[in-house]
Amino acid sequence: MTIKEIARLANVSPGTVDRILHNRGGVAESTQKKVIEIIEQAGGFKPNVIARNLALNKVYQVAVLMPLFNAASPFWEYPKKGVLKAVEEVSSYGMKVSVSYFDEFNVDSYNKELDKILKNKNLDGIIIAPHFAKETQERSAALDALNIPYLFLNVPLKGLNNISFVGQDSFASGRLAAKIFHIAQNTNKPRVLIVEVLEDFENYYGLDQRVKGFMSFFSDHTSHVIIEKLRVPNKNTQLYYKLLGESLHAHEDIGGVFFPSNSITKAGRYFETHQIKLDLVVGYDVTEENKKYLNQDIITFLIGQEPFQQGYKSVKLMFEHLVHGEQLNSFYMSPVQIIAKENLEYYMH
C-alpha cells in the first residue's frame, strides 16, 4: 500500500500521511487514528507496528558502546560507519540511538562509559562491544536489573544474558589461522611466533579466544610447527619493536609470525623499516595500512570479518526486536575470510 492510496482512503493529503508516518506532528489525533486503522485494515494489510509507534509518539531509546576509532584502533572505523549508517536509517522510524566510545586499551574508560549507560533508566535496549571480559561480567547483574534487551557486538563473550551476538567466531578464526601455518610453514623454519601485545591479554576475550583456537588446532594435529609466544606492551612502541627484534634474532628457524590482534599494523611498520620479509605473516583486519603491507608482501594473509556489516547489523537487529517484536537468533556470525594480495581487490569491492 502506497502513501497515496492511504491518503485517498483516509480522505487526507499524502503530505498528512507522511507527517503521521514520520512523526512530524501537526495532525489531529482523530486523523492519526483513522490513518493507522486504514494502514492496518485495508485489504487485509498486516498491522504496521512502525506506523502505530510513531502515531503514539513511541520512540525506543538505544545506547551503543564501542571502541573509539583512532590511529591506535583503525579497525573500529568500519563498525562505526556501519552503526552510523544504520542509525541514519532507523532514526525516522521510532528508534533513537546514542553512541558512546571508549579507549580499547584503557579499561577505566570502558568502565566509565558502561556505568553511565547502566545509570540511564530511560533505555529500551543496549548494544555493547564487551571488550573487557572481567569488567563486563562484574556488571552482569546491573545489566539484567535494567530488564531490557542487550546485544553484544564483535566480542563473543559468553555466560551472560545478552539476547544475541553479532560478530566473528574468534576461536574458529584462530583455528583457521593455525591451519594456514600447519599447511604452509617451511619445514626448515618450523618456529611460529605468536605476538600478544596487551598487558592483561586474557581479559580481552576475543583476542584470547583467537589464541586458544590457534593452540587447540595444534593440540588436535601432529605438526612440525614449533610455537613460541611473545608478549609485549602495547603502548610502548619502542619496547614493542625491541622485544620483537630480539625474538626474531634469537631464533634462526622462525618462519612465521601470528598476530591475533590488529597489532600486525605496528609490526608491518617495523618489518618495512628494517626490510624484513618472513615466509608467513598472518594477522587480522583489512585496514588501509594493512592493505599496503599485504600488497608489499610484508603481510601474507589477513583474516577479515566484514566489520561494517557487524556494526550495521547490530543496530538493525535491535530495531527489528524492539520495534517489530522480532525474536532474534542467539548469534549472527560474520564470515571468517582469508584475504591475500591476490584477492584483496575483490574483498574491497
C-alpha atoms as a PDB file:
ATOM      1  CA  MET A   1       0.000   0.000   0.000  1.00  0.00           C
ATOM      2  CA  THR A   2       1.397   3.399  -1.007  1.00  0.00           C
ATOM      3  CA  ILE A   3       1.091   6.731   0.790  1.00  0.00           C
ATOM      4  CA  LYS A   4      -1.212   7.981  -1.996  1.00  0.00           C
ATOM      5  CA  GLU A   5      -3.551   5.009  -1.539  1.00  0.00           C
ATOM      6  CA  ILE A   6      -3.663   5.551   2.225  1.00  0.00           C
ATOM      7  CA  ALA A   7      -4.358   9.267   1.697  1.00  0.00           C
ATOM      8  CA  ARG A   8      -7.213   8.541  -0.720  1.00  0.00           C
ATOM      9  CA  LEU A   9      -8.891   6.090   1.686  1.00  0.00           C
ATOM     10  CA  ALA A  10      -8.491   8.472   4.627  1.00  0.00           C
ATOM     11  CA  ASN A  11      -9.592  11.495   2.585  1.00  0.00           C
ATOM     12  CA  VAL A  12      -6.454  13.410   3.520  1.00  0.00           C
ATOM     13  CA  SER A  13      -3.443  14.622   1.586  1.00  0.00           C
ATOM     14  CA  PRO A  14      -0.352  12.429   1.019  1.00  0.00           C
ATOM     15  CA  GLY A  15       1.581  15.047   2.986  1.00  0.00           C
ATOM     16  CA  THR A  16      -0.616  14.421   6.024  1.00  0.00           C
ATOM     17  CA  VAL A  17       0.036  10.679   5.825  1.00  0.00           C
ATOM     18  CA  ASP A  18       3.753  11.351   5.505  1.00  0.00           C
ATOM     19  CA  ARG A  19       3.658  13.598   8.599  1.00  0.00           C
ATOM     20  CA  ILE A  20       1.976  10.832  10.583  1.00  0.00           C
ATOM     21  CA  LEU A  21       4.377   8.121   9.427  1.00  0.00           C
ATOM     22  CA  HIS A  22       7.409  10.246  10.241  1.00  0.00           C
ATOM     23  CA  ASN A  23       6.037  11.655  13.497  1.00  0.00           C
ATOM     24  CA  ARG A  24       6.318  15.296  12.436  1.00  0.00           C
ATOM     25  CA  GLY A  25       3.267  16.431  14.387  1.00  0.00           C
ATOM     26  CA  GLY A  26       0.680  18.999  13.404  1.00  0.00           C
ATOM     27  CA  VAL A  27      -2.042  16.397  12.723  1.00  0.00           C
ATOM     28  CA  ALA A  28      -5.245  15.960  14.716  1.00  0.00           C
ATOM     29  CA  GLU A  29      -5.370  12.872  16.903  1.00  0.00           C
ATOM     30  CA  SER A  30      -8.564  11.662  15.231  1.00  0.00           C
ATOM     31  CA  THR A  31      -6.881  11.867  11.823  1.00  0.00           C
ATOM     32  CA  GLN A  32      -3.852   9.949  13.087  1.00  0.00           C
ATOM     33  CA  LYS A  33      -6.070   7.151  14.402  1.00  0.00           C
ATOM     34  CA  LYS A  34      -8.030   6.990  11.155  1.00  0.00           C
ATOM     35  CA  VAL A  35      -4.848   6.715   9.051  1.00  0.00           C
ATOM     36  CA  ILE A  36      -3.368   3.999  11.271  1.00  0.00           C
ATOM     37  CA  GLU A  37      -6.590   1.997  11.154  1.00  0.00           C
ATOM     38  CA  ILE A  38      -6.553   2.144   7.357  1.00  0.00           C
ATOM     39  CA  ILE A  39      -2.933   1.014   7.207  1.00  0.00           C
ATOM     40  CA  GLU A  40      -3.755  -1.938   9.434  1.00  0.00           C
ATOM     41  CA  GLN A  41      -7.077  -2.980   7.963  1.00  0.00           C
ATOM     42  CA  ALA A  42      -7.342  -2.052   4.302  1.00  0.00           C
ATOM     43  CA  GLY A  43      -7.067  -5.063   2.045  1.00  0.00           C
ATOM     44  CA  GLY A  44      -6.025  -7.316   4.917  1.00  0.00           C
ATOM     45  CA  PHE A  45      -2.831  -5.293   5.273  1.00  0.00           C
ATOM     46  CA  LYS A  46      -0.557  -6.582   8.062  1.00  0.00           C
ATOM     47  CA  PRO A  47      -0.526  -4.210  11.059  1.00  0.00           C
ATOM     48  CA  ASN A  48       2.241  -1.686  10.657  1.00  0.00           C
ATOM     49  CA  VAL A  49       3.999  -1.607  14.027  1.00  0.00           C
ATOM     50  CA  ILE A  50       6.238   1.255  12.989  1.00  0.00           C
ATOM     51  CA  ALA A  51       3.306   3.416  11.986  1.00  0.00           C
ATOM     52  CA  ARG A  52       1.477   2.647  15.222  1.00  0.00           C
ATOM     53  CA  ASN A  53       4.532   3.515  17.332  1.00  0.00           C
ATOM     54  CA  LEU A  54       5.027   6.770  15.507  1.00  0.00           C
ATOM     55  CA  ALA A  55       1.380   7.723  15.794  1.00  0.00           C
ATOM     56  CA  LEU A  56       1.554   7.096  19.525  1.00  0.00           C
ATOM     57  CA  ASN A  57       4.816   9.057  19.754  1.00  0.00           C
ATOM     58  CA  LYS A  58       6.612   5.930  20.956  1.00  0.00           C
ATOM     59  CA  VAL A  59      10.371   6.268  20.491  1.00  0.00           C
ATOM     60  CA  TYR A  60      12.705   3.498  21.613  1.00  0.00           C
ATOM     61  CA  GLN A  61      15.937   4.678  23.227  1.00  0.00           C
ATOM     62  CA  VAL A  62      19.023   2.562  22.487  1.00  0.00           C
ATOM     63  CA  ALA A  63      22.617   3.035  23.660  1.00  0.00           C
ATOM     64  CA  VAL A  64      25.645   1.738  21.766  1.00  0.00           C
ATOM     65  CA  LEU A  65      29.048   1.357  23.437  1.00  0.00           C
ATOM     66  CA  MET A  66      32.030   0.612  21.223  1.00  0.00           C
ATOM     67  CA  PRO A  67      35.772   1.348  20.980  1.00  0.00           C
ATOM     68  CA  LEU A  68      36.853   4.727  19.686  1.00  0.00           C
ATOM     69  CA  PHE A  69      38.231   4.774  16.159  1.00  0.00           C
ATOM     70  CA  ASN A  70      41.675   6.379  16.030  1.00  0.00           C
ATOM     71  CA  ALA A  71      45.195   5.677  14.766  1.00  0.00           C
ATOM     72  CA  ALA A  72      45.718   3.093  17.517  1.00  0.00           C
ATOM     73  CA  SER A  73      42.409   1.348  16.730  1.00  0.00           C
ATOM     74  CA  PRO A  74      41.954   1.622  12.939  1.00  0.00           C
ATOM     75  CA  PHE A  75      39.704  -1.438  12.755  1.00  0.00           C
ATOM     76  CA  TRP A  76      36.886   0.363  14.532  1.00  0.00           C
ATOM     77  CA  GLU A  77      36.451   2.829  11.674  1.00  0.00           C
ATOM     78  CA  TYR A  78      34.375   0.204   9.876  1.00  0.00           C
ATOM     79  CA  PRO A  79      31.949  -0.948  12.622  1.00  0.00           C
ATOM     80  CA  LYS A  80      31.466   2.734  13.458  1.00  0.00           C
ATOM     81  CA  LYS A  81      30.489   3.505   9.864  1.00  0.00           C
ATOM     82  CA  GLY A  82      28.096   0.557   9.917  1.00  0.00           C
ATOM     83  CA  VAL A  83      26.491   1.696  13.173  1.00  0.00           C
ATOM     84  CA  LEU A  84      26.070   5.279  11.947  1.00  0.00           C
ATOM     85  CA  LYS A  85      24.590   4.131   8.638  1.00  0.00           C
ATOM     86  CA  ALA A  86      22.009   2.014  10.467  1.00  0.00           C
ATOM     87  CA  VAL A  87      21.265   4.855  12.906  1.00  0.00           C
ATOM     88  CA  GLU A  88      20.558   7.107   9.942  1.00  0.00           C
ATOM     89  CA  GLU A  89      18.081   4.560   8.572  1.00  0.00           C
ATOM     90  CA  VAL A  90      16.149   3.864  11.792  1.00  0.00           C
ATOM     91  CA  SER A  91      16.038   7.388  13.213  1.00  0.00           C
ATOM     92  CA  SER A  92      12.782   8.236  11.410  1.00  0.00           C
ATOM     93  CA  TYR A  93      11.049   5.012  12.413  1.00  0.00           C
ATOM     94  CA  GLY A  94      10.713   5.035  16.154  1.00  0.00           C
ATOM     95  CA  MET A  95      14.239   4.407  17.441  1.00  0.00           C
ATOM     96  CA  LYS A  96      16.742   6.922  18.775  1.00  0.00           C
ATOM     97  CA  VAL A  97      20.330   5.714  19.135  1.00  0.00           C
ATOM     98  CA  SER A  98      23.106   7.323  21.171  1.00  0.00           C
ATOM     99  CA  VAL A  99      26.679   6.127  20.590  1.00  0.00           C
ATOM    100  CA  SER A 100      29.385   6.242  23.274  1.00  0.00           C
ATOM    101  CA  TYR A 101      33.049   5.363  22.804  1.00  0.00           C
ATOM    102  CA  PHE A 102      35.857   4.019  24.978  1.00  0.00           C
ATOM    103  CA  ASP A 103      39.593   3.529  24.556  1.00  0.00           C
ATOM    104  CA  GLU A 104      40.007  -0.182  23.813  1.00  0.00           C
ATOM    105  CA  PHE A 105      43.380  -0.152  25.612  1.00  0.00           C
ATOM    106  CA  ASN A 106      42.058   1.578  28.740  1.00  0.00           C
ATOM    107  CA  VAL A 107      39.798  -0.439  30.998  1.00  0.00           C
ATOM    108  CA  ASP A 108      38.937   2.632  33.094  1.00  0.00           C
ATOM    109  CA  SER A 109      37.411   4.399  30.103  1.00  0.00           C
ATOM    110  CA  TYR A 110      35.310   1.292  29.386  1.00  0.00           C
ATOM    111  CA  ASN A 111      34.073   1.147  32.982  1.00  0.00           C
ATOM    112  CA  LYS A 112      33.249   4.848  32.988  1.00  0.00           C
ATOM    113  CA  GLU A 113      31.165   4.765  29.809  1.00  0.00           C
ATOM    114  CA  LEU A 114      29.402   1.490  30.621  1.00  0.00           C
ATOM    115  CA  ASP A 115      28.497   2.714  34.116  1.00  0.00           C
ATOM    116  CA  LYS A 116      26.964   5.858  32.593  1.00  0.00           C
ATOM    117  CA  ILE A 117      24.779   3.693  30.380  1.00  0.00           C
ATOM    118  CA  LEU A 118      23.744   1.470  33.278  1.00  0.00           C
ATOM    119  CA  LYS A 119      22.502   4.534  35.197  1.00  0.00           C
ATOM    120  CA  ASN A 120      20.196   5.567  32.353  1.00  0.00           C
ATOM    121  CA  LYS A 121      16.724   4.321  33.324  1.00  0.00           C
ATOM    122  CA  ASN A 122      15.138   5.544  30.072  1.00  0.00           C
ATOM    123  CA  LEU A 123      16.785   2.993  27.793  1.00  0.00           C
ATOM    124  CA  ASP A 124      14.917   0.302  25.906  1.00  0.00           C
ATOM    125  CA  GLY A 125      17.985  -1.556  24.613  1.00  0.00           C
ATOM    126  CA  ILE A 126      21.792  -1.635  24.738  1.00  0.00           C
ATOM    127  CA  ILE A 127      24.444  -2.704  22.220  1.00  0.00           C
ATOM    128  CA  ILE A 128      27.902  -3.326  23.698  1.00  0.00           C
ATOM    129  CA  ALA A 129      31.282  -4.338  22.356  1.00  0.00           C
ATOM    130  CA  PRO A 130      32.259  -6.125  25.620  1.00  0.00           C
ATOM    131  CA  HIS A 131      35.981  -5.730  25.116  1.00  0.00           C
ATOM    132  CA  PHE A 132      36.930  -6.302  28.733  1.00  0.00           C
ATOM    133  CA  ALA A 133      35.551  -9.636  29.923  1.00  0.00           C
ATOM    134  CA  LYS A 134      36.002  -9.309  33.686  1.00  0.00           C
ATOM    135  CA  GLU A 135      34.537  -5.813  33.926  1.00  0.00           C
ATOM    136  CA  THR A 136      31.543  -6.781  31.793  1.00  0.00           C
ATOM    137  CA  GLN A 137      30.869  -9.902  33.863  1.00  0.00           C
ATOM    138  CA  GLU A 138      31.073  -7.840  37.044  1.00  0.00           C
ATOM    139  CA  ARG A 139      28.242  -5.688  35.683  1.00  0.00           C
ATOM    140  CA  SER A 140      26.050  -8.554  34.504  1.00  0.00           C
ATOM    141  CA  ALA A 141      23.664  -8.166  37.449  1.00  0.00           C
ATOM    142  CA  ALA A 142      23.294  -4.452  36.732  1.00  0.00           C
ATOM    143  CA  LEU A 143      22.606  -5.210  33.063  1.00  0.00           C
ATOM    144  CA  ASP A 144      19.952  -7.765  33.960  1.00  0.00           C
ATOM    145  CA  ALA A 145      18.394  -5.445  36.545  1.00  0.00           C
ATOM    146  CA  LEU A 146      17.516  -2.961  33.797  1.00  0.00           C
ATOM    147  CA  ASN A 147      15.192  -5.639  32.399  1.00  0.00           C
ATOM    148  CA  ILE A 148      15.849  -4.558  28.813  1.00  0.00           C
ATOM    149  CA  PRO A 149      17.490  -6.469  25.935  1.00  0.00           C
ATOM    150  CA  TYR A 150      21.205  -6.087  25.351  1.00  0.00           C
ATOM    151  CA  LEU A 151      23.221  -7.348  22.424  1.00  0.00           C
ATOM    152  CA  PHE A 152      26.974  -7.966  22.061  1.00  0.00           C
ATOM    153  CA  LEU A 153      28.946  -6.628  19.120  1.00  0.00           C
ATOM    154  CA  ASN A 154      32.229  -8.106  17.793  1.00  0.00           C
ATOM    155  CA  VAL A 155      33.334  -9.790  21.038  1.00  0.00           C
ATOM    156  CA  PRO A 156      31.630 -13.196  21.615  1.00  0.00           C
ATOM    157  CA  LEU A 157      31.596 -13.017  25.401  1.00  0.00           C
ATOM    158  CA  LYS A 158      29.690 -15.974  26.853  1.00  0.00           C
ATOM    159  CA  GLY A 159      27.899 -16.649  30.100  1.00  0.00           C
ATOM    160  CA  LEU A 160      25.702 -13.539  30.174  1.00  0.00           C
ATOM    161  CA  ASN A 161      22.060 -12.971  29.246  1.00  0.00           C
ATOM    162  CA  ASN A 162      22.567 -10.998  26.046  1.00  0.00           C
ATOM    163  CA  ILE A 163      19.791 -11.661  23.542  1.00  0.00           C
ATOM    164  CA  SER A 164      22.199 -12.037  20.622  1.00  0.00           C
ATOM    165  CA  PHE A 165      25.746 -11.614  19.332  1.00  0.00           C
ATOM    166  CA  VAL A 166      26.914 -10.104  16.035  1.00  0.00           C
ATOM    167  CA  GLY A 167      30.494 -10.829  15.018  1.00  0.00           C
ATOM    168  CA  GLN A 168      33.057 -13.471  14.218  1.00  0.00           C
ATOM    169  CA  ASP A 169      33.716 -16.776  15.953  1.00  0.00           C
ATOM    170  CA  SER A 170      37.100 -15.826  17.423  1.00  0.00           C
ATOM    171  CA  PHE A 171      38.008 -19.377  18.411  1.00  0.00           C
ATOM    172  CA  ALA A 172      37.269 -20.716  14.906  1.00  0.00           C
ATOM    173  CA  SER A 173      39.255 -17.900  13.292  1.00  0.00           C
ATOM    174  CA  GLY A 174      42.248 -18.833  15.461  1.00  0.00           C
ATOM    175  CA  ARG A 175      41.974 -22.444  14.334  1.00  0.00           C
ATOM    176  CA  LEU A 176      41.839 -21.322  10.709  1.00  0.00           C
ATOM    177  CA  ALA A 177      44.990 -19.243  11.180  1.00  0.00           C
ATOM    178  CA  ALA A 178      46.715 -22.279  12.705  1.00  0.00           C
ATOM    179  CA  LYS A 179      45.716 -24.404   9.739  1.00  0.00           C
ATOM    180  CA  ILE A 180      47.416 -21.920   7.406  1.00  0.00           C
ATOM    181  CA  PHE A 181      50.675 -22.334   9.323  1.00  0.00           C
ATOM    182  CA  HIS A 182      50.237 -26.107   9.506  1.00  0.00           C
ATOM    183  CA  ILE A 183      49.927 -26.326   5.723  1.00  0.00           C
ATOM    184  CA  ALA A 184      52.279 -23.574   4.578  1.00  0.00           C
ATOM    185  CA  GLN A 185      55.031 -23.365   7.210  1.00  0.00           C
ATOM    186  CA  ASN A 186      58.516 -24.081   5.855  1.00  0.00           C
ATOM    187  CA  THR A 187      59.813 -27.309   7.431  1.00  0.00           C
ATOM    188  CA  ASN A 188      63.306 -25.783   7.560  1.00  0.00           C
ATOM    189  CA  LYS A 189      61.924 -22.891   9.591  1.00  0.00           C
ATOM    190  CA  PRO A 190      59.242 -24.520  11.728  1.00  0.00           C
ATOM    191  CA  ARG A 191      59.053 -21.965  14.536  1.00  0.00           C
ATOM    192  CA  VAL A 192      55.972 -19.708  14.723  1.00  0.00           C
ATOM    193  CA  LEU A 193      55.974 -16.625  16.925  1.00  0.00           C
ATOM    194  CA  ILE A 194      52.619 -15.611  18.448  1.00  0.00           C
ATOM    195  CA  VAL A 195      52.750 -11.940  19.382  1.00  0.00           C
ATOM    196  CA  GLU A 196      50.363 -10.925  22.173  1.00  0.00           C
ATOM    197  CA  VAL A 197      50.512  -7.205  22.769  1.00  0.00           C
ATOM    198  CA  LEU A 198      48.161  -6.475  25.633  1.00  0.00           C
ATOM    199  CA  GLU A 199      49.296  -6.424  29.228  1.00  0.00           C
ATOM    200  CA  ASP A 200      46.110  -8.062  30.530  1.00  0.00           C
ATOM    201  CA  PHE A 201      45.666 -10.285  27.493  1.00  0.00           C
ATOM    202  CA  GLU A 202      43.285 -12.843  28.998  1.00  0.00           C
ATOM    203  CA  ASN A 203      40.806 -10.067  29.813  1.00  0.00           C
ATOM    204  CA  TYR A 204      40.463  -9.270  26.105  1.00  0.00           C
ATOM    205  CA  TYR A 205      38.078 -12.112  25.453  1.00  0.00           C
ATOM    206  CA  GLY A 206      38.033 -12.104  21.658  1.00  0.00           C
ATOM    207  CA  LEU A 207      41.823 -11.971  21.303  1.00  0.00           C
ATOM    208  CA  ASP A 208      42.329 -14.624  23.946  1.00  0.00           C
ATOM    209  CA  GLN A 209      39.880 -16.889  22.107  1.00  0.00           C
ATOM    210  CA  ARG A 210      41.851 -16.488  18.879  1.00  0.00           C
ATOM    211  CA  VAL A 211      44.998 -17.733  20.575  1.00  0.00           C
ATOM    212  CA  LYS A 212      43.152 -20.572  22.277  1.00  0.00           C
ATOM    213  CA  GLY A 213      41.703 -21.594  18.926  1.00  0.00           C
ATOM    214  CA  PHE A 214      45.176 -21.465  17.380  1.00  0.00           C
ATOM    215  CA  MET A 215      46.648 -23.640  20.115  1.00  0.00           C
ATOM    216  CA  SER A 216      43.734 -26.083  20.036  1.00  0.00           C
ATOM    217  CA  PHE A 217      44.356 -26.829  16.364  1.00  0.00           C
ATOM    218  CA  PHE A 218      47.896 -27.975  17.094  1.00  0.00           C
ATOM    219  CA  SER A 219      46.674 -29.973  20.078  1.00  0.00           C
ATOM    220  CA  ASP A 220      44.476 -31.881  17.650  1.00  0.00           C
ATOM    221  CA  HIS A 221      47.054 -32.315  14.865  1.00  0.00           C
ATOM    222  CA  THR A 222      50.556 -33.702  14.667  1.00  0.00           C
ATOM    223  CA  SER A 223      52.697 -30.990  13.117  1.00  0.00           C
ATOM    224  CA  HIS A 224      56.303 -29.945  12.593  1.00  0.00           C
ATOM    225  CA  VAL A 225      55.368 -26.412  13.753  1.00  0.00           C
ATOM    226  CA  ILE A 226      57.049 -25.145  16.947  1.00  0.00           C
ATOM    227  CA  ILE A 227      55.115 -22.412  18.757  1.00  0.00           C
ATOM    228  CA  GLU A 228      56.821 -19.601  20.628  1.00  0.00           C
ATOM    229  CA  LYS A 229      54.851 -16.894  22.449  1.00  0.00           C
ATOM    230  CA  LEU A 230      55.951 -13.294  22.824  1.00  0.00           C
ATOM    231  CA  ARG A 231      54.063 -10.819  24.991  1.00  0.00           C
ATOM    232  CA  VAL A 232      54.895  -7.142  24.559  1.00  0.00           C
ATOM    233  CA  PRO A 233      53.357  -3.915  25.908  1.00  0.00           C
ATOM    234  CA  ASN A 234      51.007  -2.138  23.573  1.00  0.00           C
ATOM    235  CA  LYS A 235      51.563   1.493  24.487  1.00  0.00           C
ATOM    236  CA  ASN A 236      55.377   1.483  24.469  1.00  0.00           C
ATOM    237  CA  THR A 237      56.160   1.237  20.758  1.00  0.00           C
ATOM    238  CA  GLN A 238      59.932   1.304  21.179  1.00  0.00           C
ATOM    239  CA  LEU A 239      59.850  -1.562  23.656  1.00  0.00           C
ATOM    240  CA  TYR A 240      57.453  -3.407  21.338  1.00  0.00           C
ATOM    241  CA  TYR A 241      59.969  -3.114  18.495  1.00  0.00           C
ATOM    242  CA  LYS A 242      62.900  -4.014  20.749  1.00  0.00           C
ATOM    243  CA  LEU A 243      61.295  -7.232  22.012  1.00  0.00           C
ATOM    244  CA  LEU A 244      60.051  -8.201  18.561  1.00  0.00           C
ATOM    245  CA  GLY A 245      63.501  -7.669  17.051  1.00  0.00           C
ATOM    246  CA  GLU A 246      65.223  -9.617  19.817  1.00  0.00           C
ATOM    247  CA  SER A 247      62.865 -12.564  19.341  1.00  0.00           C
ATOM    248  CA  LEU A 248      63.386 -12.631  15.581  1.00  0.00           C
ATOM    249  CA  HIS A 249      67.177 -12.618  16.029  1.00  0.00           C
ATOM    250  CA  ALA A 250      67.144 -15.148  18.873  1.00  0.00           C
ATOM    251  CA  HIS A 251      65.772 -17.927  16.680  1.00  0.00           C
ATOM    252  CA  GLU A 252      67.088 -18.512  13.183  1.00  0.00           C
ATOM    253  CA  ASP A 253      64.306 -21.010  12.492  1.00  0.00           C
ATOM    254  CA  ILE A 254      61.393 -18.527  12.758  1.00  0.00           C
ATOM    255  CA  GLY A 255      59.473 -18.840   9.534  1.00  0.00           C
ATOM    256  CA  GLY A 256      56.238 -17.169  10.542  1.00  0.00           C
ATOM    257  CA  VAL A 257      54.531 -14.815  12.939  1.00  0.00           C
ATOM    258  CA  PHE A 258      50.885 -14.832  14.024  1.00  0.00           C
ATOM    259  CA  PHE A 259      49.292 -11.627  15.291  1.00  0.00           C
ATOM    260  CA  PRO A 260      45.925 -12.302  16.981  1.00  0.00           C
ATOM    261  CA  SER A 261      45.144  -8.576  17.065  1.00  0.00           C
ATOM    262  CA  ASN A 262      45.477  -5.531  14.827  1.00  0.00           C
ATOM    263  CA  SER A 263      48.987  -5.032  16.231  1.00  0.00           C
ATOM    264  CA  ILE A 264      50.101  -6.553  12.947  1.00  0.00           C
ATOM    265  CA  THR A 265      49.972  -2.975  11.647  1.00  0.00           C
ATOM    266  CA  LYS A 266      52.650  -1.872  14.088  1.00  0.00           C
ATOM    267  CA  ALA A 267      54.770  -4.885  13.162  1.00  0.00           C
ATOM    268  CA  GLY A 268      54.291  -4.079   9.490  1.00  0.00           C
ATOM    269  CA  ARG A 269      55.949  -0.703  10.033  1.00  0.00           C
ATOM    270  CA  TYR A 270      58.855  -2.409  11.770  1.00  0.00           C
ATOM    271  CA  PHE A 271      59.258  -5.002   9.017  1.00  0.00           C
ATOM    272  CA  GLU A 272      59.096  -2.311   6.330  1.00  0.00           C
ATOM    273  CA  THR A 273      61.683  -0.088   8.055  1.00  0.00           C
ATOM    274  CA  HIS A 274      64.108  -2.984   8.612  1.00  0.00           C
ATOM    275  CA  GLN A 275      63.370  -4.670   5.284  1.00  0.00           C
ATOM    276  CA  ILE A 276      62.302  -7.898   6.979  1.00  0.00           C
ATOM    277  CA  LYS A 277      60.299 -10.412   4.970  1.00  0.00           C
ATOM    278  CA  LEU A 278      59.278 -13.654   6.611  1.00  0.00           C
ATOM    279  CA  ASP A 279      57.797 -16.667   4.875  1.00  0.00           C
ATOM    280  CA  LEU A 280      54.452 -16.312   6.618  1.00  0.00           C
ATOM    281  CA  VAL A 281      52.887 -13.368   8.463  1.00  0.00           C
ATOM    282  CA  VAL A 282      49.219 -13.708   9.392  1.00  0.00           C
ATOM    283  CA  GLY A 283      47.006 -11.298  11.297  1.00  0.00           C
ATOM    284  CA  TYR A 284      43.659  -9.573  11.402  1.00  0.00           C
ATOM    285  CA  ASP A 285      41.696  -6.766   9.818  1.00  0.00           C
ATOM    286  CA  VAL A 286      41.752  -5.248   6.354  1.00  0.00           C
ATOM    287  CA  THR A 287      42.612  -1.678   7.360  1.00  0.00           C
ATOM    288  CA  GLU A 288      44.173   0.831   4.962  1.00  0.00           C
ATOM    289  CA  GLU A 289      47.698   0.363   6.319  1.00  0.00           C
ATOM    290  CA  ASN A 290      47.377  -3.410   6.394  1.00  0.00           C
ATOM    291  CA  LYS A 291      46.342  -3.364   2.734  1.00  0.00           C
ATOM    292  CA  LYS A 292      49.606  -1.620   1.938  1.00  0.00           C
ATOM    293  CA  TYR A 293      51.694  -4.248   3.728  1.00  0.00           C
ATOM    294  CA  LEU A 294      49.683  -7.005   2.070  1.00  0.00           C
ATOM    295  CA  ASN A 295      50.478  -5.553  -1.353  1.00  0.00           C
ATOM    296  CA  GLN A 296      54.166  -5.280  -0.403  1.00  0.00           C
ATOM    297  CA  ASP A 297      54.244  -8.956   0.634  1.00  0.00           C
ATOM    298  CA  ILE A 298      55.185  -7.958   4.175  1.00  0.00           C
ATOM    299  CA  ILE A 299      51.883  -9.476   5.345  1.00  0.00           C
ATOM    300  CA  THR A 300      50.989 -12.817   3.766  1.00  0.00           C
ATOM    301  CA  PHE A 301      47.368 -13.230   4.845  1.00  0.00           C
ATOM    302  CA  LEU A 302      44.797 -11.174   6.708  1.00  0.00           C
ATOM    303  CA  ILE A 303      41.699 -12.618   8.328  1.00  0.00           C
ATOM    304  CA  GLY A 304      38.696 -10.432   7.555  1.00  0.00           C
ATOM    305  CA  GLN A 305      35.312 -10.316   9.279  1.00  0.00           C
ATOM    306  CA  GLU A 306      33.130  -7.735   7.457  1.00  0.00           C
ATOM    307  CA  PRO A 307      33.277  -5.134  10.255  1.00  0.00           C
ATOM    308  CA  PHE A 308      30.959  -2.625   8.564  1.00  0.00           C
ATOM    309  CA  GLN A 309      28.226  -5.251   8.470  1.00  0.00           C
ATOM    310  CA  GLN A 310      28.792  -6.082  12.136  1.00  0.00           C
ATOM    311  CA  GLY A 311      28.081  -2.508  13.183  1.00  0.00           C
ATOM    312  CA  TYR A 312      25.205  -2.077  10.756  1.00  0.00           C
ATOM    313  CA  LYS A 313      23.518  -5.360  11.597  1.00  0.00           C
ATOM    314  CA  SER A 314      23.724  -4.911  15.364  1.00  0.00           C
ATOM    315  CA  VAL A 315      21.628  -1.739  15.186  1.00  0.00           C
ATOM    316  CA  LYS A 316      19.175  -3.119  12.624  1.00  0.00           C
ATOM    317  CA  LEU A 317      18.640  -6.284  14.679  1.00  0.00           C
ATOM    318  CA  MET A 318      17.897  -4.269  17.803  1.00  0.00           C
ATOM    319  CA  PHE A 319      15.471  -2.208  15.724  1.00  0.00           C
ATOM    320  CA  GLU A 320      13.699  -5.341  14.480  1.00  0.00           C
ATOM    321  CA  HIS A 321      13.494  -6.697  18.022  1.00  0.00           C
ATOM    322  CA  LEU A 322      12.189  -3.550  19.701  1.00  0.00           C
ATOM    323  CA  VAL A 323      10.011  -2.016  17.005  1.00  0.00           C
ATOM    324  CA  HIS A 324       8.781  -5.115  15.168  1.00  0.00           C
ATOM    325  CA  GLY A 325       8.919  -7.525  18.104  1.00  0.00           C
ATOM    326  CA  GLU A 326      11.113  -9.952  16.176  1.00  0.00           C
ATOM    327  CA  GLN A 327      12.762 -12.755  18.143  1.00  0.00           C
ATOM    328  CA  LEU A 328      16.484 -12.813  17.379  1.00  0.00           C
ATOM    329  CA  ASN A 329      18.799 -15.752  16.923  1.00  0.00           C
ATOM    330  CA  SER A 330      21.351 -16.204  19.688  1.00  0.00           C
ATOM    331  CA  PHE A 331      24.139 -15.251  17.264  1.00  0.00           C
ATOM    332  CA  TYR A 332      24.737 -13.830  13.790  1.00  0.00           C
ATOM    333  CA  MET A 333      28.205 -14.896  12.713  1.00  0.00           C
ATOM    334  CA  SER A 334      30.417 -12.879  10.375  1.00  0.00           C
ATOM    335  CA  PRO A 335      32.394 -14.909   7.831  1.00  0.00           C
ATOM    336  CA  VAL A 336      35.979 -15.921   8.596  1.00  0.00           C
ATOM    337  CA  GLN A 337      37.680 -14.737   5.410  1.00  0.00           C
ATOM    338  CA  ILE A 338      41.260 -15.273   4.249  1.00  0.00           C
ATOM    339  CA  ILE A 339      42.500 -12.210   2.360  1.00  0.00           C
ATOM    340  CA  ALA A 340      45.678 -12.291   0.279  1.00  0.00           C
ATOM    341  CA  LYS A 341      47.286  -9.827  -2.093  1.00  0.00           C
ATOM    342  CA  GLU A 342      45.699 -11.679  -4.982  1.00  0.00           C
ATOM    343  CA  ASN A 343      42.065 -11.316  -3.839  1.00  0.00           C
ATOM    344  CA  LEU A 344      42.303  -8.023  -1.951  1.00  0.00           C
ATOM    345  CA  GLU A 345      40.705  -6.032  -4.761  1.00  0.00           C
ATOM    346  CA  TYR A 346      37.597  -8.237  -4.763  1.00  0.00           C
ATOM    347  CA  TYR A 347      37.292  -8.169  -0.983  1.00  0.00           C
ATOM    348  CA  MET A 348      37.411  -4.373  -1.078  1.00  0.00           C
ATOM    349  CA  HIS A 349      34.562  -4.305  -3.567  1.00  0.00           C
END
